Amino acid sequence: MSSRSGSAIPQRSASLRVASITNGSAATESVVTAAIGGDNLQDLKCGQLVGSTPWKQQVMQILGVVVAAFAMAPVLNLLNDAYHIGSKALPAPQKGRGTEQ
């Protein structure tokens, strides 16, 4: 360790951390892209089996995203009003992640 900067953590450690985060993000994006591509191919094949066209499937998938976005907002507000998301009655799954020591 170098004491020139007065820090207990060497400068290269910070750049390695940034590189690790960048590589992790790139890997995650690649995996998610592959998963979405596989999911779309599966949907297209199922649609072909039931006689649908790719255009109709894409329209319905977009409609499904829009409807779900508008439907989930009031549901989440109701859950928050009733149980307070993040409380013991309805714990938030991500709460506390990364804070274990």
PDB file of N, CA and C in Angstrom:
ATOM      1  N   MET A   1       0.831  -1.190   0.000  1.00  0.00           N
ATOM      2  CA  MET A   1       0.000   0.000   0.000  1.00  0.00           C
ATOM      3  C   MET A   1       0.868   1.244   0.000  1.00  0.00           C
ATOM      4  N   SER A   2       0.393   2.208  -0.695  1.00  0.00           N
ATOM      5  CA  SER A   2       1.127   3.454  -0.797  1.00  0.00           C
ATOM      6  C   SER A   2       0.540   4.470   0.166  1.00  0.00           C
ATOM      7  N   SER A   3       1.414   5.165   0.853  1.00  0.00           N
ATOM      8  CA  SER A   3       0.932   6.184   1.785  1.00  0.00           C
ATOM      9  C   SER A   3       1.120   7.578   1.219  1.00  0.00           C
ATOM     10  N   ARG A   4       1.473   7.680  -0.067  1.00  0.00           N
ATOM     11  CA  ARG A   4       1.678   8.990  -0.678  1.00  0.00           C
ATOM     12  C   ARG A   4       0.415   9.827  -0.680  1.00  0.00           C
ATOM     13  N   SER A   5      -0.725   9.208  -0.951  1.00  0.00           N
ATOM     14  CA  SER A   5      -1.960   9.988  -1.026  1.00  0.00           C
ATOM     15  C   SER A   5      -2.601  10.157   0.346  1.00  0.00           C
ATOM     16  N   GLY A   6      -2.062   9.490   1.359  1.00  0.00           N
ATOM     17  CA  GLY A   6      -2.635   9.603   2.685  1.00  0.00           C
ATOM     18  C   GLY A   6      -3.824   8.683   2.887  1.00  0.00           C
ATOM     19  N   SER A   7      -4.159   7.898   1.898  1.00  0.00           N
ATOM     20  CA  SER A   7      -5.296   6.990   1.973  1.00  0.00           C
ATOM     21  C   SER A   7      -4.795   5.576   2.193  1.00  0.00           C
ATOM     22  N   ALA A   8      -5.549   4.796   2.939  1.00  0.00           N
ATOM     23  CA  ALA A   8      -5.179   3.411   3.182  1.00  0.00           C
ATOM     24  C   ALA A   8      -5.450   2.547   1.955  1.00  0.00           C
ATOM     25  N   ILE A   9      -6.305   3.034   1.048  1.00  0.00           N
ATOM     26  CA  ILE A   9      -6.648   2.285  -0.160  1.00  0.00           C
ATOM     27  C   ILE A   9      -5.836   2.849  -1.317  1.00  0.00           C
ATOM     28  N   PRO A  10      -5.089   2.002  -2.006  1.00  0.00           N
ATOM     29  CA  PRO A  10      -4.292   2.509  -3.139  1.00  0.00           C
ATOM     30  C   PRO A  10      -5.186   3.048  -4.256  1.00  0.00           C
ATOM     31  N   GLN A  11      -4.645   3.965  -5.045  1.00  0.00           N
ATOM     32  CA  GLN A  11      -5.389   4.562  -6.139  1.00  0.00           C
ATOM     33  C   GLN A  11      -5.826   3.516  -7.153  1.00  0.00           C
ATOM     34  N   ARG A  12      -4.991   2.564  -7.455  1.00  0.00           N
ATOM     35  CA  ARG A  12      -5.344   1.566  -8.455  1.00  0.00           C
ATOM     36  C   ARG A  12      -6.528   0.726  -8.008  1.00  0.00           C
ATOM     37  N   SER A  13      -6.746   0.616  -6.726  1.00  0.00           N
ATOM     38  CA  SER A  13      -7.878  -0.154  -6.221  1.00  0.00           C
ATOM     39  C   SER A  13      -9.194   0.476  -6.663  1.00  0.00           C
ATOM     40  N   ALA A  14      -9.260   1.794  -6.646  1.00  0.00           N
ATOM     41  CA  ALA A  14     -10.483   2.481  -7.077  1.00  0.00           C
ATOM     42  C   ALA A  14     -10.721   2.262  -8.564  1.00  0.00           C
ATOM     43  N   SER A  15      -9.679   2.309  -9.373  1.00  0.00           N
ATOM     44  CA  SER A  15      -9.855   2.095 -10.806  1.00  0.00           C
ATOM     45  C   SER A  15     -10.218   0.648 -11.107  1.00  0.00           C
ATOM     46  N   LEU A  16      -9.703  -0.289 -10.319  1.00  0.00           N
ATOM     47  CA  LEU A  16     -10.087  -1.691 -10.488  1.00  0.00           C
ATOM     48  C   LEU A  16     -11.554  -1.896 -10.122  1.00  0.00           C
ATOM     49  N   ARG A  17     -12.006  -1.190  -9.101  1.00  0.00           N
ATOM     50  CA  ARG A  17     -13.414  -1.280  -8.709  1.00  0.00           C
ATOM     51  C   ARG A  17     -14.320  -0.771  -9.827  1.00  0.00           C
ATOM     52  N   VAL A  18     -13.939   0.348 -10.426  1.00  0.00           N
ATOM     53  CA  VAL A  18     -14.718   0.903 -11.533  1.00  0.00           C
ATOM     54  C   VAL A  18     -14.714  -0.059 -12.707  1.00  0.00           C
ATOM     55  N   ALA A  19     -13.573  -0.667 -13.005  1.00  0.00           N
ATOM     56  CA  ALA A  19     -13.491  -1.632 -14.103  1.00  0.00           C
ATOM     57  C   ALA A  19     -14.351  -2.856 -13.814  1.00  0.00           C
ATOM     58  N   SER A  20     -14.360  -3.305 -12.574  1.00  0.00           N
ATOM     59  CA  SER A  20     -15.190  -4.464 -12.212  1.00  0.00           C
ATOM     60  C   SER A  20     -16.664  -4.156 -12.376  1.00  0.00           C
ATOM     61  N   ILE A  21     -17.068  -2.976 -11.953  1.00  0.00           N
ATOM     62  CA  ILE A  21     -18.473  -2.581 -12.093  1.00  0.00           C
ATOM     63  C   ILE A  21     -18.841  -2.471 -13.566  1.00  0.00           C
ATOM     64  N   THR A  22     -17.958  -1.885 -14.358  1.00  0.00           N
ATOM     65  CA  THR A  22     -18.215  -1.747 -15.793  1.00  0.00           C
ATOM     66  C   THR A  22     -18.334  -3.110 -16.462  1.00  0.00           C
ATOM     67  N   ASN A  23     -17.414  -4.015 -16.145  1.00  0.00           N
ATOM     68  CA  ASN A  23     -17.464  -5.352 -16.734  1.00  0.00           C
ATOM     69  C   ASN A  23     -18.709  -6.105 -16.265  1.00  0.00           C
ATOM     70  N   GLY A  24     -19.055  -5.960 -15.006  1.00  0.00           N
ATOM     71  CA  GLY A  24     -20.259  -6.611 -14.491  1.00  0.00           C
ATOM     72  C   GLY A  24     -21.512  -6.087 -15.165  1.00  0.00           C
ATOM     73  N   SER A  25     -21.557  -4.787 -15.397  1.00  0.00           N
ATOM     74  CA  SER A  25     -22.712  -4.193 -16.076  1.00  0.00           C
ATOM     75  C   SER A  25     -22.805  -4.678 -17.518  1.00  0.00           C
ATOM     76  N   ALA A  26     -21.686  -4.741 -18.192  1.00  0.00           N
ATOM     77  CA  ALA A  26     -21.687  -5.209 -19.586  1.00  0.00           C
ATOM     78  C   ALA A  26     -22.116  -6.668 -19.665  1.00  0.00           C
ATOM     79  N   ALA A  27     -21.635  -7.475 -18.744  1.00  0.00           N
ATOM     80  CA  ALA A  27     -22.014  -8.893 -18.724  1.00  0.00           C
ATOM     81  C   ALA A  27     -23.501  -9.039 -18.439  1.00  0.00           C
ATOM     82  N   THR A  28     -24.016  -8.248 -17.510  1.00  0.00           N
ATOM     83  CA  THR A  28     -25.441  -8.303 -17.185  1.00  0.00           C
ATOM     84  C   THR A  28     -26.282  -7.912 -18.387  1.00  0.00           C
ATOM     85  N   GLU A  29     -25.894  -6.851 -19.066  1.00  0.00           N
ATOM     86  CA  GLU A  29     -26.639  -6.421 -20.255  1.00  0.00           C
ATOM     87  C   GLU A  29     -26.636  -7.503 -21.324  1.00  0.00           C
ATOM     88  N   SER A  30     -25.513  -8.179 -21.508  1.00  0.00           N
ATOM     89  CA  SER A  30     -25.444  -9.254 -22.502  1.00  0.00           C
ATOM     90  C   SER A  30     -26.363 -10.409 -22.137  1.00  0.00           C
ATOM     91  N   VAL A  31     -26.357 -10.793 -20.883  1.00  0.00           N
ATOM     92  CA  VAL A  31     -27.198 -11.916 -20.444  1.00  0.00           C
ATOM     93  C   VAL A  31     -28.677 -11.565 -20.556  1.00  0.00           C
ATOM     94  N   VAL A  32     -29.036 -10.359 -20.152  1.00  0.00           N
ATOM     95  CA  VAL A  32     -30.435  -9.945 -20.233  1.00  0.00           C
ATOM     96  C   VAL A  32     -30.882  -9.869 -21.689  1.00  0.00           C
ATOM     97  N   THR A  33     -30.027  -9.356 -22.566  1.00  0.00           N
ATOM     98  CA  THR A  33     -30.361  -9.287 -23.988  1.00  0.00           C
ATOM     99  C   THR A  33     -30.588 -10.684 -24.559  1.00  0.00           C
ATOM    100  N   ALA A  34     -29.733 -11.623 -24.208  1.00  0.00           N
ATOM    101  CA  ALA A  34     -29.897 -12.994 -24.691  1.00  0.00           C
ATOM    102  C   ALA A  34     -31.182 -13.614 -24.150  1.00  0.00           C
ATOM    103  N   ALA A  35     -31.495 -13.348 -22.887  1.00  0.00           N
ATOM    104  CA  ALA A  35     -32.716 -13.907 -22.292  1.00  0.00           C
ATOM    105  C   ALA A  35     -33.965 -13.342 -22.964  1.00  0.00           C
ATOM    106  N   ILE A  36     -33.966 -12.046 -23.220  1.00  0.00           N
ATOM    107  CA  ILE A  36     -35.124 -11.420 -23.875  1.00  0.00           C
ATOM    108  C   ILE A  36     -35.261 -11.946 -25.303  1.00  0.00           C
ATOM    109  N   GLY A  37     -34.136 -12.112 -25.996  1.00  0.00           N
ATOM    110  CA  GLY A  37     -34.175 -12.662 -27.346  1.00  0.00           C
ATOM    111  C   GLY A  37     -34.752 -14.072 -27.363  1.00  0.00           C
ATOM    112  N   GLY A  38     -34.321 -14.894 -26.425  1.00  0.00           N
ATOM    113  CA  GLY A  38     -34.862 -16.248 -26.321  1.00  0.00           C
ATOM    114  C   GLY A  38     -36.344 -16.249 -25.999  1.00  0.00           C
ATOM    115  N   ASP A  39     -36.743 -15.358 -25.120  1.00  0.00           N
ATOM    116  CA  ASP A  39     -38.165 -15.249 -24.762  1.00  0.00           C
ATOM    117  C   ASP A  39     -38.999 -14.834 -25.978  1.00  0.00           C
ATOM    118  N   ASN A  40     -38.504 -13.876 -26.745  1.00  0.00           N
ATOM    119  CA  ASN A  40     -39.232 -13.440 -27.947  1.00  0.00           C
ATOM    120  C   ASN A  40     -39.354 -14.563 -28.967  1.00  0.00           C
ATOM    121  N   LEU A  41     -38.271 -15.331 -29.152  1.00  0.00           N
ATOM    122  CA  LEU A  41     -38.335 -16.451 -30.092  1.00  0.00           C
ATOM    123  C   LEU A  41     -39.361 -17.493 -29.635  1.00  0.00           C
ATOM    124  N   GLN A  42     -39.392 -17.748 -28.343  1.00  0.00           N
ATOM    125  CA  GLN A  42     -40.376 -18.699 -27.802  1.00  0.00           C
ATOM    126  C   GLN A  42     -41.793 -18.186 -28.053  1.00  0.00           C
ATOM    127  N   ASP A  43     -42.001 -16.888 -27.814  1.00  0.00           N
ATOM    128  CA  ASP A  43     -43.330 -16.307 -28.049  1.00  0.00           C
ATOM    129  C   ASP A  43     -43.729 -16.389 -29.511  1.00  0.00           C
ATOM    130  N   LEU A  44     -42.789 -16.097 -30.407  1.00  0.00           N
ATOM    131  CA  LEU A  44     -43.097 -16.149 -31.835  1.00  0.00           C
ATOM    132  C   LEU A  44     -43.437 -17.568 -32.280  1.00  0.00           C
ATOM    133  N   LYS A  45     -42.727 -18.549 -31.758  1.00  0.00           N
ATOM    134  CA  LYS A  45     -43.005 -19.937 -32.130  1.00  0.00           C
ATOM    135  C   LYS A  45     -44.389 -20.361 -31.625  1.00  0.00           C
ATOM    136  N   CYS A  46     -44.710 -20.010 -30.386  1.00  0.00           N
ATOM    137  CA  CYS A  46     -46.044 -20.344 -29.847  1.00  0.00           C
ATOM    138  C   CYS A  46     -47.131 -19.647 -30.655  1.00  0.00           C
ATOM    139  N   GLY A  47     -46.895 -18.400 -31.032  1.00  0.00           N
ATOM    140  CA  GLY A  47     -47.869 -17.673 -31.841  1.00  0.00           C
ATOM    141  C   GLY A  47     -48.074 -18.316 -33.197  1.00  0.00           C
ATOM    142  N   GLN A  48     -46.982 -18.793 -33.788  1.00  0.00           N
ATOM    143  CA  GLN A  48     -47.090 -19.465 -35.076  1.00  0.00           C
ATOM    144  C   GLN A  48     -47.922 -20.740 -34.940  1.00  0.00           C
ATOM    145  N   LEU A  49     -47.746 -21.447 -33.842  1.00  0.00           N
ATOM    146  CA  LEU A  49     -48.494 -22.697 -33.632  1.00  0.00           C
ATOM    147  C   LEU A  49     -49.997 -22.460 -33.513  1.00  0.00           C
ATOM    148  N   VAL A  50     -50.384 -21.309 -32.997  1.00  0.00           N
ATOM    149  CA  VAL A  50     -51.823 -21.024 -32.851  1.00  0.00           C
ATOM    150  C   VAL A  50     -52.360 -20.161 -33.987  1.00  0.00           C
ATOM    151  N   GLY A  51     -51.522 -19.855 -34.987  1.00  0.00           N
ATOM    152  CA  GLY A  51     -51.996 -19.151 -36.172  1.00  0.00           C
ATOM    153  C   GLY A  51     -51.911 -17.639 -36.112  1.00  0.00           C
ATOM    154  N   SER A  52     -51.136 -17.099 -35.209  1.00  0.00           N
ATOM    155  CA  SER A  52     -50.994 -15.650 -35.103  1.00  0.00           C
ATOM    156  C   SER A  52     -49.846 -15.170 -35.996  1.00  0.00           C
ATOM    157  N   THR A  53     -49.826 -13.857 -36.253  1.00  0.00           N
ATOM    158  CA  THR A  53     -48.731 -13.278 -37.021  1.00  0.00           C
ATOM    159  C   THR A  53     -47.794 -12.538 -36.071  1.00  0.00           C
ATOM    160  N   PRO A  54     -46.521 -12.384 -36.443  1.00  0.00           N
ATOM    161  CA  PRO A  54     -45.589 -11.647 -35.582  1.00  0.00           C
ATOM    162  C   PRO A  54     -46.053 -10.221 -35.298  1.00  0.00           C
ATOM    163  N   TRP A  55     -46.679  -9.567 -36.270  1.00  0.00           N
ATOM    164  CA  TRP A  55     -47.151  -8.194 -36.065  1.00  0.00           C
ATOM    165  C   TRP A  55     -48.196  -8.146 -34.957  1.00  0.00           C
ATOM    166  N   LYS A  56     -49.166  -9.048 -35.018  1.00  0.00           N
ATOM    167  CA  LYS A  56     -50.209  -9.082 -33.979  1.00  0.00           C
ATOM    168  C   LYS A  56     -49.615  -9.376 -32.608  1.00  0.00           C
ATOM    169  N   GLN A  57     -48.633 -10.252 -32.571  1.00  0.00           N
ATOM    170  CA  GLN A  57     -48.002 -10.582 -31.295  1.00  0.00           C
ATOM    171  C   GLN A  57     -47.281  -9.374 -30.707  1.00  0.00           C
ATOM    172  N   GLN A  58     -46.569  -8.630 -31.539  1.00  0.00           N
ATOM    173  CA  GLN A  58     -45.855  -7.454 -31.044  1.00  0.00           C
ATOM    174  C   GLN A  58     -46.827  -6.395 -30.540  1.00  0.00           C
ATOM    175  N   VAL A  59     -47.922  -6.199 -31.258  1.00  0.00           N
ATOM    176  CA  VAL A  59     -48.928  -5.228 -30.820  1.00  0.00           C
ATOM    177  C   VAL A  59     -49.484  -5.634 -29.450  1.00  0.00           C
ATOM    178  N   MET A  60     -49.786  -6.908 -29.285  1.00  0.00           N
ATOM    179  CA  MET A  60     -50.360  -7.362 -28.020  1.00  0.00           C
ATOM    180  C   MET A  60     -49.334  -7.309 -26.885  1.00  0.00           C
ATOM    181  N   GLN A  61     -48.064  -7.566 -27.170  1.00  0.00           N
ATOM    182  CA  GLN A  61     -47.042  -7.455 -26.135  1.00  0.00           C
ATOM    183  C   GLN A  61     -46.876  -6.005 -25.681  1.00  0.00           C
ATOM    184  N   ILE A  62     -46.892  -5.079 -26.626  1.00  0.00           N
ATOM    185  CA  ILE A  62     -46.799  -3.659 -26.274  1.00  0.00           C
ATOM    186  C   ILE A  62     -48.021  -3.244 -25.470  1.00  0.00           C
ATOM    187  N   LEU A  63     -49.195  -3.668 -25.895  1.00  0.00           N
ATOM    188  CA  LEU A  63     -50.424  -3.365 -25.155  1.00  0.00           C
ATOM    189  C   LEU A  63     -50.365  -3.944 -23.745  1.00  0.00           C
ATOM    190  N   GLY A  64     -49.820  -5.153 -23.620  1.00  0.00           N
ATOM    191  CA  GLY A  64     -49.684  -5.776 -22.300  1.00  0.00           C
ATOM    192  C   GLY A  64     -48.780  -4.979 -21.373  1.00  0.00           C
ATOM    193  N   VAL A  65     -47.689  -4.434 -21.900  1.00  0.00           N
ATOM    194  CA  VAL A  65     -46.779  -3.622 -21.090  1.00  0.00           C
ATOM    195  C   VAL A  65     -47.470  -2.350 -20.626  1.00  0.00           C
ATOM    196  N   VAL A  66     -48.192  -1.692 -21.538  1.00  0.00           N
ATOM    197  CA  VAL A  66     -48.870  -0.436 -21.192  1.00  0.00           C
ATOM    198  C   VAL A  66     -49.968  -0.677 -20.154  1.00  0.00           C
ATOM    199  N   VAL A  67     -50.778  -1.708 -20.363  1.00  0.00           N
ATOM    200  CA  VAL A  67     -51.861  -2.009 -19.418  1.00  0.00           C
ATOM    201  C   VAL A  67     -51.285  -2.382 -18.054  1.00  0.00           C
ATOM    202  N   ALA A  68     -50.227  -3.201 -18.035  1.00  0.00           N
ATOM    203  CA  ALA A  68     -49.621  -3.596 -16.767  1.00  0.00           C
ATOM    204  C   ALA A  68     -49.046  -2.394 -16.024  1.00  0.00           C
ATOM    205  N   ALA A  69     -48.456  -1.459 -16.756  1.00  0.00           N
ATOM    206  CA  ALA A  69     -47.890  -0.269 -16.109  1.00  0.00           C
ATOM    207  C   ALA A  69     -48.974   0.546 -15.425  1.00  0.00           C
ATOM    208  N   PHE A  70     -50.128   0.701 -16.090  1.00  0.00           N
ATOM    209  CA  PHE A  70     -51.213   1.467 -15.474  1.00  0.00           C
ATOM    210  C   PHE A  70     -51.930   0.680 -14.386  1.00  0.00           C
ATOM    211  N   ALA A  71     -51.949  -0.637 -14.488  1.00  0.00           N
ATOM    212  CA  ALA A  71     -52.643  -1.450 -13.481  1.00  0.00           C
ATOM    213  C   ALA A  71     -51.817  -1.600 -12.203  1.00  0.00           C
ATOM    214  N   MET A  72     -50.503  -1.637 -12.312  1.00  0.00           N
ATOM    215  CA  MET A  72     -49.669  -1.883 -11.135  1.00  0.00           C
ATOM    216  C   MET A  72     -49.548  -0.668 -10.219  1.00  0.00           C
ATOM    217  N   ALA A  73     -49.628   0.531 -10.745  1.00  0.00           N
ATOM    218  CA  ALA A  73     -49.494   1.719  -9.901  1.00  0.00           C
ATOM    219  C   ALA A  73     -50.560   1.766  -8.807  1.00  0.00           C
ATOM    220  N   PRO A  74     -51.859   1.596  -9.113  1.00  0.00           N
ATOM    221  CA  PRO A  74     -52.842   1.614  -8.041  1.00  0.00           C
ATOM    222  C   PRO A  74     -52.708   0.420  -7.084  1.00  0.00           C
ATOM    223  N   VAL A  75     -52.299  -0.733  -7.608  1.00  0.00           N
ATOM    224  CA  VAL A  75     -52.132  -1.909  -6.738  1.00  0.00           C
ATOM    225  C   VAL A  75     -51.013  -1.660  -5.732  1.00  0.00           C
ATOM    226  N   LEU A  76     -49.892  -1.123  -6.200  1.00  0.00           N
ATOM    227  CA  LEU A  76     -48.793  -0.827  -5.284  1.00  0.00           C
ATOM    228  C   LEU A  76     -49.176   0.249  -4.274  1.00  0.00           C
ATOM    229  N   ASN A  77     -49.955   1.240  -4.697  1.00  0.00           N
ATOM    230  CA  ASN A  77     -50.420   2.261  -3.751  1.00  0.00           C
ATOM    231  C   ASN A  77     -51.333   1.657  -2.694  1.00  0.00           C
ATOM    232  N   LEU A  78     -52.219   0.747  -3.089  1.00  0.00           N
ATOM    233  CA  LEU A  78     -53.095   0.074  -2.114  1.00  0.00           C
ATOM    234  C   LEU A  78     -52.279  -0.751  -1.126  1.00  0.00           C
ATOM    235  N   LEU A  79     -51.296  -1.496  -1.631  1.00  0.00           N
ATOM    236  CA  LEU A  79     -50.445  -2.286  -0.734  1.00  0.00           C
ATOM    237  C   LEU A  79     -49.678  -1.387   0.226  1.00  0.00           C
ATOM    238  N   ASN A  80     -49.166  -0.284  -0.280  1.00  0.00           N
ATOM    239  CA  ASN A  80     -48.421   0.627   0.579  1.00  0.00           C
ATOM    240  C   ASN A  80     -49.324   1.251   1.632  1.00  0.00           C
ATOM    241  N   ASP A  81     -50.534   1.639   1.252  1.00  0.00           N
ATOM    242  CA  ASP A  81     -51.460   2.233   2.221  1.00  0.00           C
ATOM    243  C   ASP A  81     -51.894   1.221   3.281  1.00  0.00           C
ATOM    244  N   ALA A  82     -52.096  -0.032   2.874  1.00  0.00           N
ATOM    245  CA  ALA A  82     -52.586  -1.047   3.810  1.00  0.00           C
ATOM    246  C   ALA A  82     -51.485  -1.604   4.702  1.00  0.00           C
ATOM    247  N   TYR A  83     -50.324  -1.904   4.113  1.00  0.00           N
ATOM    248  CA  TYR A  83     -49.286  -2.610   4.863  1.00  0.00           C
ATOM    249  C   TYR A  83     -47.966  -1.870   4.983  1.00  0.00           C
ATOM    250  N   HIS A  84     -47.804  -0.756   4.325  1.00  0.00           N
ATOM    251  CA  HIS A  84     -46.565   0.018   4.332  1.00  0.00           C
ATOM    252  C   HIS A  84     -45.399  -0.838   3.847  1.00  0.00           C
ATOM    253  N   ILE A  85     -45.156  -0.791   2.560  1.00  0.00           N
ATOM    254  CA  ILE A  85     -44.081  -1.569   1.946  1.00  0.00           C
ATOM    255  C   ILE A  85     -42.768  -1.248   2.647  1.00  0.00           C
ATOM    256  N   GLY A  86     -42.080  -2.285   3.087  1.00  0.00           N
ATOM    257  CA  GLY A  86     -40.833  -2.136   3.817  1.00  0.00           C
ATOM    258  C   GLY A  86     -41.003  -2.352   5.310  1.00  0.00           C
ATOM    259  N   SER A  87     -42.259  -2.535   5.752  1.00  0.00           N
ATOM    260  CA  SER A  87     -42.490  -2.801   7.166  1.00  0.00           C
ATOM    261  C   SER A  87     -42.396  -4.304   7.425  1.00  0.00           C
ATOM    262  N   LYS A  88     -42.600  -4.710   8.671  1.00  0.00           N
ATOM    263  CA  LYS A  88     -42.554  -6.138   8.991  1.00  0.00           C
ATOM    264  C   LYS A  88     -43.713  -6.885   8.348  1.00  0.00           C
ATOM    265  N   ALA A  89     -44.854  -6.219   8.176  1.00  0.00           N
ATOM    266  CA  ALA A  89     -46.018  -6.870   7.571  1.00  0.00           C
ATOM    267  C   ALA A  89     -45.812  -7.128   6.079  1.00  0.00           C
ATOM    268  N   LEU A  90     -45.083  -6.257   5.404  1.00  0.00           N
ATOM    269  CA  LEU A  90     -44.825  -6.414   3.965  1.00  0.00           C
ATOM    270  C   LEU A  90     -43.395  -5.958   3.675  1.00  0.00           C
ATOM    271  N   PRO A  91     -42.416  -6.819   3.988  1.00  0.00           N
ATOM    272  CA  PRO A  91     -41.020  -6.405   3.817  1.00  0.00           C
ATOM    273  C   PRO A  91     -40.650  -6.241   2.346  1.00  0.00           C
ATOM    274  N   ALA A  92     -39.823  -5.262   2.086  1.00  0.00           N
ATOM    275  CA  ALA A  92     -39.308  -5.054   0.736  1.00  0.00           C
ATOM    276  C   ALA A  92     -38.175  -6.049   0.516  1.00  0.00           C
ATOM    277  N   PRO A  93     -38.224  -6.836  -0.563  1.00  0.00           N
ATOM    278  CA  PRO A  93     -37.210  -7.871  -0.752  1.00  0.00           C
ATOM    279  C   PRO A  93     -35.790  -7.340  -0.884  1.00  0.00           C
ATOM    280  N   GLN A  94     -35.622  -6.155  -1.442  1.00  0.00           N
ATOM    281  CA  GLN A  94     -34.280  -5.625  -1.613  1.00  0.00           C
ATOM    282  C   GLN A  94     -33.772  -4.902  -0.375  1.00  0.00           C
ATOM    283  N   LYS A  95     -34.623  -4.688   0.614  1.00  0.00           N
ATOM    284  CA  LYS A  95     -34.205  -3.960   1.808  1.00  0.00           C
ATOM    285  C   LYS A  95     -33.155  -4.775   2.551  1.00  0.00           C
ATOM    286  N   GLY A  96     -32.049  -4.154   2.835  1.00  0.00           N
ATOM    287  CA  GLY A  96     -30.989  -4.815   3.577  1.00  0.00           C
ATOM    288  C   GLY A  96     -29.970  -5.522   2.714  1.00  0.00           C
ATOM    289  N   ARG A  97     -30.210  -5.633   1.414  1.00  0.00           N
ATOM    290  CA  ARG A  97     -29.225  -6.282   0.552  1.00  0.00           C
ATOM    291  C   ARG A  97     -27.956  -5.459   0.502  1.00  0.00           C
ATOM    292  N   GLY A  98     -26.876  -6.140   0.627  1.00  0.00           N
ATOM    293  CA  GLY A  98     -25.587  -5.475   0.543  1.00  0.00           C
ATOM    294  C   GLY A  98     -25.171  -4.806   1.836  1.00  0.00           C
ATOM    295  N   THR A  99     -25.980  -4.916   2.880  1.00  0.00           N
ATOM    296  CA  THR A  99     -25.616  -4.285   4.145  1.00  0.00           C
ATOM    297  C   THR A  99     -25.160  -5.306   5.175  1.00  0.00           C
ATOM    298  N   GLU A 100     -25.193  -6.613   4.807  1.00  0.00           N
ATOM    299  CA  GLU A 100     -24.725  -7.620   5.737  1.00  0.00           C
ATOM    300  C   GLU A 100     -23.234  -7.472   5.923  1.00  0.00           C
ATOM    301  N   GLN A 101     -22.800  -7.718   7.138  1.00  0.00           N
ATOM    302  CA  GLN A 101     -21.354  -7.589   7.392  1.00  0.00           C
ATOM    303  C   GLN A 101     -20.809  -8.864   7.970  1.00  0.00           C
TER     304      GLN A 101
END
